[in-house]
Amino acid sequence: MLFAAHLRDYEVVGQYTDKWGHRHDSSRVCHQMTKREARDAMQRYLLQHFSDSVDLDAPIKVKVQATK
């Protein structure tokens, strides 16, 4: 239980660019995760669900905030 204090709920917003140059935002709430796990989960979510339109040359930006 060493890391139990770091597990929280996070609101995560991912921003990506599609192949046509349009910016898109997607938000989710990740429960009982560390901040790094929440960020990685959002990147995986965007790549899995929008794999046909994500521009892989443009970075995927992820913002993570703890919920209150």
PDB file of N, CA and C in Angstrom:
ATOM      1  N   MET A   1       0.810  -1.190   0.000  1.00  0.00           N
ATOM      2  CA  MET A   1       0.000   0.000   0.000  1.00  0.00           C
ATOM      3  C   MET A   1       0.858   1.261   0.000  1.00  0.00           C
ATOM      4  N   LEU A   2       2.047   1.144  -0.486  1.00  0.00           N
ATOM      5  CA  LEU A   2       2.964   2.267  -0.511  1.00  0.00           C
ATOM      6  C   LEU A   2       2.463   3.382  -1.423  1.00  0.00           C
ATOM      7  N   PHE A   3       1.864   3.026  -2.555  1.00  0.00           N
ATOM      8  CA  PHE A   3       1.443   4.019  -3.529  1.00  0.00           C
ATOM      9  C   PHE A   3      -0.047   4.341  -3.452  1.00  0.00           C
ATOM     10  N   ALA A   4      -0.733   3.866  -2.454  1.00  0.00           N
ATOM     11  CA  ALA A   4      -2.177   4.077  -2.368  1.00  0.00           C
ATOM     12  C   ALA A   4      -2.535   5.553  -2.240  1.00  0.00           C
ATOM     13  N   ALA A   5      -1.662   6.355  -1.664  1.00  0.00           N
ATOM     14  CA  ALA A   5      -1.951   7.778  -1.505  1.00  0.00           C
ATOM     15  C   ALA A   5      -1.941   8.512  -2.842  1.00  0.00           C
ATOM     16  N   HIS A   6      -1.290   7.966  -3.860  1.00  0.00           N
ATOM     17  CA  HIS A   6      -1.181   8.622  -5.154  1.00  0.00           C
ATOM     18  C   HIS A   6      -2.335   8.286  -6.090  1.00  0.00           C
ATOM     19  N   LEU A   7      -3.189   7.352  -5.716  1.00  0.00           N
ATOM     20  CA  LEU A   7      -4.318   6.977  -6.565  1.00  0.00           C
ATOM     21  C   LEU A   7      -5.446   7.967  -6.355  1.00  0.00           C
ATOM     22  N   ARG A   8      -5.867   8.584  -7.451  1.00  0.00           N
ATOM     23  CA  ARG A   8      -6.925   9.591  -7.402  1.00  0.00           C
ATOM     24  C   ARG A   8      -7.776   9.485  -8.650  1.00  0.00           C
ATOM     25  N   ASP A   9      -8.799  10.306  -8.713  1.00  0.00           N
ATOM     26  CA  ASP A   9      -9.602  10.448  -9.923  1.00  0.00           C
ATOM     27  C   ASP A   9      -9.097  11.677 -10.669  1.00  0.00           C
ATOM     28  N   TYR A  10      -8.927  11.546 -11.979  1.00  0.00           N
ATOM     29  CA  TYR A  10      -8.405  12.635 -12.786  1.00  0.00           C
ATOM     30  C   TYR A  10      -9.323  12.914 -13.964  1.00  0.00           C
ATOM     31  N   GLU A  11      -9.487  14.193 -14.271  1.00  0.00           N
ATOM     32  CA  GLU A  11     -10.166  14.601 -15.491  1.00  0.00           C
ATOM     33  C   GLU A  11      -9.078  14.831 -16.531  1.00  0.00           C
ATOM     34  N   VAL A  12      -9.179  14.125 -17.657  1.00  0.00           N
ATOM     35  CA  VAL A  12      -8.130  14.136 -18.658  1.00  0.00           C
ATOM     36  C   VAL A  12      -8.703  14.657 -19.969  1.00  0.00           C
ATOM     37  N   VAL A  13      -7.993  15.612 -20.586  1.00  0.00           N
ATOM     38  CA  VAL A  13      -8.393  16.170 -21.870  1.00  0.00           C
ATOM     39  C   VAL A  13      -7.268  15.894 -22.865  1.00  0.00           C
ATOM     40  N   GLY A  14      -7.611  15.239 -23.951  1.00  0.00           N
ATOM     41  CA  GLY A  14      -6.644  14.951 -25.005  1.00  0.00           C
ATOM     42  C   GLY A  14      -6.945  15.773 -26.242  1.00  0.00           C
ATOM     43  N   GLN A  15      -5.913  16.377 -26.813  1.00  0.00           N
ATOM     44  CA  GLN A  15      -6.059  17.175 -28.031  1.00  0.00           C
ATOM     45  C   GLN A  15      -5.204  16.541 -29.112  1.00  0.00           C
ATOM     46  N   TYR A  16      -5.809  16.323 -30.275  1.00  0.00           N
ATOM     47  CA  TYR A  16      -5.071  15.742 -31.381  1.00  0.00           C
ATOM     48  C   TYR A  16      -5.475  16.412 -32.681  1.00  0.00           C
ATOM     49  N   THR A  17      -4.653  16.248 -33.689  1.00  0.00           N
ATOM     50  CA  THR A  17      -4.913  16.792 -35.018  1.00  0.00           C
ATOM     51  C   THR A  17      -5.215  15.626 -35.948  1.00  0.00           C
ATOM     52  N   ASP A  18      -6.272  15.776 -36.765  1.00  0.00           N
ATOM     53  CA  ASP A  18      -6.580  14.701 -37.711  1.00  0.00           C
ATOM     54  C   ASP A  18      -5.766  14.887 -38.992  1.00  0.00           C
ATOM     55  N   LYS A  19      -5.943  13.967 -39.921  1.00  0.00           N
ATOM     56  CA  LYS A  19      -5.157  13.972 -41.163  1.00  0.00           C
ATOM     57  C   LYS A  19      -5.425  15.191 -42.028  1.00  0.00           C
ATOM     58  N   TRP A  20      -6.543  15.862 -41.799  1.00  0.00           N
ATOM     59  CA  TRP A  20      -6.923  17.015 -42.598  1.00  0.00           C
ATOM     60  C   TRP A  20      -6.554  18.333 -41.922  1.00  0.00           C
ATOM     61  N   GLY A  21      -5.885  18.263 -40.762  1.00  0.00           N
ATOM     62  CA  GLY A  21      -5.406  19.456 -40.081  1.00  0.00           C
ATOM     63  C   GLY A  21      -6.358  20.062 -39.069  1.00  0.00           C
ATOM     64  N   HIS A  22      -7.477  19.416 -38.786  1.00  0.00           N
ATOM     65  CA  HIS A  22      -8.439  19.935 -37.810  1.00  0.00           C
ATOM     66  C   HIS A  22      -8.063  19.467 -36.404  1.00  0.00           C
ATOM     67  N   ARG A  23      -8.203  20.357 -35.413  1.00  0.00           N
ATOM     68  CA  ARG A  23      -7.933  20.021 -34.022  1.00  0.00           C
ATOM     69  C   ARG A  23      -9.195  19.446 -33.375  1.00  0.00           C
ATOM     70  N   HIS A  24      -9.029  18.418 -32.566  1.00  0.00           N
ATOM     71  CA  HIS A  24     -10.142  17.787 -31.856  1.00  0.00           C
ATOM     72  C   HIS A  24      -9.778  17.625 -30.390  1.00  0.00           C
ATOM     73  N   ASP A  25     -10.776  17.747 -29.523  1.00  0.00           N
ATOM     74  CA  ASP A  25     -10.608  17.544 -28.087  1.00  0.00           C
ATOM     75  C   ASP A  25     -11.484  16.380 -27.651  1.00  0.00           C
ATOM     76  N   SER A  26     -10.968  15.621 -26.719  1.00  0.00           N
ATOM     77  CA  SER A  26     -11.732  14.527 -26.142  1.00  0.00           C
ATOM     78  C   SER A  26     -11.439  14.514 -24.646  1.00  0.00           C
ATOM     79  N   SER A  27     -12.478  14.390 -23.822  1.00  0.00           N
ATOM     80  CA  SER A  27     -12.254  14.397 -22.375  1.00  0.00           C
ATOM     81  C   SER A  27     -12.850  13.140 -21.750  1.00  0.00           C
ATOM     82  N   ARG A  28     -12.209  12.722 -20.676  1.00  0.00           N
ATOM     83  CA  ARG A  28     -12.636  11.542 -19.933  1.00  0.00           C
ATOM     84  C   ARG A  28     -12.310  11.746 -18.465  1.00  0.00           C
ATOM     85  N   VAL A  29     -12.905  10.937 -17.619  1.00  0.00           N
ATOM     86  CA  VAL A  29     -12.548  10.893 -16.205  1.00  0.00           C
ATOM     87  C   VAL A  29     -11.969   9.513 -15.935  1.00  0.00           C
ATOM     88  N   CYS A  30     -10.762   9.494 -15.405  1.00  0.00           N
ATOM     89  CA  CYS A  30     -10.087   8.236 -15.079  1.00  0.00           C
ATOM     90  C   CYS A  30     -10.119   8.056 -13.564  1.00  0.00           C
ATOM     91  N   HIS A  31     -10.570   6.899 -13.111  1.00  0.00           N
ATOM     92  CA  HIS A  31     -10.756   6.650 -11.689  1.00  0.00           C
ATOM     93  C   HIS A  31      -9.642   5.786 -11.122  1.00  0.00           C
ATOM     94  N   GLN A  32      -9.217   6.122  -9.914  1.00  0.00           N
ATOM     95  CA  GLN A  32      -8.249   5.347  -9.135  1.00  0.00           C
ATOM     96  C   GLN A  32      -6.979   5.037  -9.925  1.00  0.00           C
ATOM     97  N   MET A  33      -6.323   6.075 -10.414  1.00  0.00           N
ATOM     98  CA  MET A  33      -5.087   5.942 -11.178  1.00  0.00           C
ATOM     99  C   MET A  33      -4.086   6.972 -10.689  1.00  0.00           C
ATOM    100  N   THR A  34      -2.846   6.764 -11.061  1.00  0.00           N
ATOM    101  CA  THR A  34      -1.857   7.801 -10.858  1.00  0.00           C
ATOM    102  C   THR A  34      -1.964   8.772 -12.032  1.00  0.00           C
ATOM    103  N   LYS A  35      -1.314   9.908 -11.905  1.00  0.00           N
ATOM    104  CA  LYS A  35      -1.387  10.920 -12.954  1.00  0.00           C
ATOM    105  C   LYS A  35      -0.770  10.397 -14.248  1.00  0.00           C
ATOM    106  N   ARG A  36       0.323   9.682 -14.156  1.00  0.00           N
ATOM    107  CA  ARG A  36       0.987   9.124 -15.341  1.00  0.00           C
ATOM    108  C   ARG A  36       0.113   8.063 -16.009  1.00  0.00           C
ATOM    109  N   GLU A  37      -0.523   7.213 -15.218  1.00  0.00           N
ATOM    110  CA  GLU A  37      -1.416   6.196 -15.785  1.00  0.00           C
ATOM    111  C   GLU A  37      -2.597   6.828 -16.503  1.00  0.00           C
ATOM    112  N   ALA A  38      -3.139   7.916 -15.953  1.00  0.00           N
ATOM    113  CA  ALA A  38      -4.266   8.598 -16.579  1.00  0.00           C
ATOM    114  C   ALA A  38      -3.843   9.208 -17.919  1.00  0.00           C
ATOM    115  N   ARG A  39      -2.658   9.799 -17.967  1.00  0.00           N
ATOM    116  CA  ARG A  39      -2.152  10.390 -19.212  1.00  0.00           C
ATOM    117  C   ARG A  39      -1.930   9.300 -20.265  1.00  0.00           C
ATOM    118  N   ASP A  40      -1.312   8.213 -19.871  1.00  0.00           N
ATOM    119  CA  ASP A  40      -1.062   7.117 -20.807  1.00  0.00           C
ATOM    120  C   ASP A  40      -2.365   6.473 -21.284  1.00  0.00           C
ATOM    121  N   ALA A  41      -3.345   6.358 -20.388  1.00  0.00           N
ATOM    122  CA  ALA A  41      -4.640   5.778 -20.766  1.00  0.00           C
ATOM    123  C   ALA A  41      -5.344   6.647 -21.801  1.00  0.00           C
ATOM    124  N   MET A  42      -5.233   7.961 -21.670  1.00  0.00           N
ATOM    125  CA  MET A  42      -5.855   8.853 -22.648  1.00  0.00           C
ATOM    126  C   MET A  42      -5.159   8.752 -23.998  1.00  0.00           C
ATOM    127  N   GLN A  43      -3.848   8.674 -24.014  1.00  0.00           N
ATOM    128  CA  GLN A  43      -3.139   8.513 -25.285  1.00  0.00           C
ATOM    129  C   GLN A  43      -3.534   7.214 -25.973  1.00  0.00           C
ATOM    130  N   ARG A  44      -3.621   6.124 -25.212  1.00  0.00           N
ATOM    131  CA  ARG A  44      -4.050   4.839 -25.777  1.00  0.00           C
ATOM    132  C   ARG A  44      -5.484   4.919 -26.296  1.00  0.00           C
ATOM    133  N   TYR A  45      -6.368   5.572 -25.536  1.00  0.00           N
ATOM    134  CA  TYR A  45      -7.767   5.721 -25.936  1.00  0.00           C
ATOM    135  C   TYR A  45      -7.867   6.451 -27.272  1.00  0.00           C
ATOM    136  N   LEU A  46      -7.155   7.563 -27.410  1.00  0.00           N
ATOM    137  CA  LEU A  46      -7.209   8.329 -28.651  1.00  0.00           C
ATOM    138  C   LEU A  46      -6.658   7.531 -29.828  1.00  0.00           C
ATOM    139  N   LEU A  47      -5.556   6.838 -29.619  1.00  0.00           N
ATOM    140  CA  LEU A  47      -4.953   6.069 -30.710  1.00  0.00           C
ATOM    141  C   LEU A  47      -5.816   4.870 -31.108  1.00  0.00           C
ATOM    142  N   GLN A  48      -6.506   4.252 -30.151  1.00  0.00           N
ATOM    143  CA  GLN A  48      -7.341   3.101 -30.462  1.00  0.00           C
ATOM    144  C   GLN A  48      -8.660   3.503 -31.115  1.00  0.00           C
ATOM    145  N   HIS A  49      -9.308   4.543 -30.615  1.00  0.00           N
ATOM    146  CA  HIS A  49     -10.636   4.891 -31.100  1.00  0.00           C
ATOM    147  C   HIS A  49     -10.634   5.803 -32.321  1.00  0.00           C
ATOM    148  N   PHE A  50      -9.567   6.545 -32.520  1.00  0.00           N
ATOM    149  CA  PHE A  50      -9.501   7.458 -33.649  1.00  0.00           C
ATOM    150  C   PHE A  50      -8.299   7.145 -34.531  1.00  0.00           C
ATOM    151  N   SER A  51      -7.932   5.883 -34.607  1.00  0.00           N
ATOM    152  CA  SER A  51      -6.725   5.481 -35.341  1.00  0.00           C
ATOM    153  C   SER A  51      -6.813   5.780 -36.831  1.00  0.00           C
ATOM    154  N   ASP A  52      -8.015   5.820 -37.377  1.00  0.00           N
ATOM    155  CA  ASP A  52      -8.150   6.083 -38.807  1.00  0.00           C
ATOM    156  C   ASP A  52      -7.990   7.558 -39.156  1.00  0.00           C
ATOM    157  N   SER A  53      -8.082   8.464 -38.166  1.00  0.00           N
ATOM    158  CA  SER A  53      -8.007   9.886 -38.487  1.00  0.00           C
ATOM    159  C   SER A  53      -6.891  10.649 -37.774  1.00  0.00           C
ATOM    160  N   VAL A  54      -6.216  10.060 -36.803  1.00  0.00           N
ATOM    161  CA  VAL A  54      -5.169  10.770 -36.060  1.00  0.00           C
ATOM    162  C   VAL A  54      -3.939  10.951 -36.950  1.00  0.00           C
ATOM    163  N   ASP A  55      -3.422  12.186 -36.966  1.00  0.00           N
ATOM    164  CA  ASP A  55      -2.179  12.482 -37.669  1.00  0.00           C
ATOM    165  C   ASP A  55      -1.026  12.080 -36.760  1.00  0.00           C
ATOM    166  N   LEU A  56      -0.293  11.049 -37.119  1.00  0.00           N
ATOM    167  CA  LEU A  56       0.774  10.535 -36.273  1.00  0.00           C
ATOM    168  C   LEU A  56       2.011  11.429 -36.275  1.00  0.00           C
ATOM    169  N   ASP A  57       2.105  12.361 -37.215  1.00  0.00           N
ATOM    170  CA  ASP A  57       3.232  13.286 -37.237  1.00  0.00           C
ATOM    171  C   ASP A  57       3.038  14.455 -36.278  1.00  0.00           C
ATOM    172  N   ALA A  58       1.810  14.727 -35.889  1.00  0.00           N
ATOM    173  CA  ALA A  58       1.509  15.805 -34.943  1.00  0.00           C
ATOM    174  C   ALA A  58       1.422  15.212 -33.534  1.00  0.00           C
ATOM    175  N   PRO A  59       1.869  15.958 -32.526  1.00  0.00           N
ATOM    176  CA  PRO A  59       1.820  15.425 -31.156  1.00  0.00           C
ATOM    177  C   PRO A  59       0.399  15.363 -30.609  1.00  0.00           C
ATOM    178  N   ILE A  60       0.171  14.408 -29.735  1.00  0.00           N
ATOM    179  CA  ILE A  60      -1.078  14.320 -28.992  1.00  0.00           C
ATOM    180  C   ILE A  60      -0.830  14.985 -27.647  1.00  0.00           C
ATOM    181  N   LYS A  61      -1.557  16.058 -27.371  1.00  0.00           N
ATOM    182  CA  LYS A  61      -1.381  16.788 -26.120  1.00  0.00           C
ATOM    183  C   LYS A  61      -2.413  16.306 -25.115  1.00  0.00           C
ATOM    184  N   VAL A  62      -1.956  16.041 -23.902  1.00  0.00           N
ATOM    185  CA  VAL A  62      -2.835  15.539 -22.856  1.00  0.00           C
ATOM    186  C   VAL A  62      -2.681  16.416 -21.619  1.00  0.00           C
ATOM    187  N   LYS A  63      -3.816  16.924 -21.123  1.00  0.00           N
ATOM    188  CA  LYS A  63      -3.825  17.725 -19.887  1.00  0.00           C
ATOM    189  C   LYS A  63      -4.555  16.924 -18.825  1.00  0.00           C
ATOM    190  N   VAL A  64      -3.950  16.835 -17.634  1.00  0.00           N
ATOM    191  CA  VAL A  64      -4.491  16.033 -16.543  1.00  0.00           C
ATOM    192  C   VAL A  64      -4.706  16.935 -15.335  1.00  0.00           C
ATOM    193  N   GLN A  65      -5.924  16.893 -14.759  1.00  0.00           N
ATOM    194  CA  GLN A  65      -6.240  17.626 -13.550  1.00  0.00           C
ATOM    195  C   GLN A  65      -6.966  16.706 -12.587  1.00  0.00           C
ATOM    196  N   ALA A  66      -6.632  16.815 -11.316  1.00  0.00           N
ATOM    197  CA  ALA A  66      -7.326  16.034 -10.310  1.00  0.00           C
ATOM    198  C   ALA A  66      -8.746  16.549 -10.153  1.00  0.00           C
ATOM    199  N   THR A  67      -9.711  15.646 -10.016  1.00  0.00           N
ATOM    200  CA  THR A  67     -11.091  16.054  -9.792  1.00  0.00           C
ATOM    201  C   THR A  67     -11.267  16.458  -8.344  1.00  0.00           C
ATOM    202  N   LYS A  68     -12.262  17.247  -8.095  1.00  0.00           N
ATOM    203  CA  LYS A  68     -12.489  17.724  -6.727  1.00  0.00           C
ATOM    204  C   LYS A  68     -13.634  17.022  -6.079  1.00  0.00           C
TER     205      LYS A  68
END
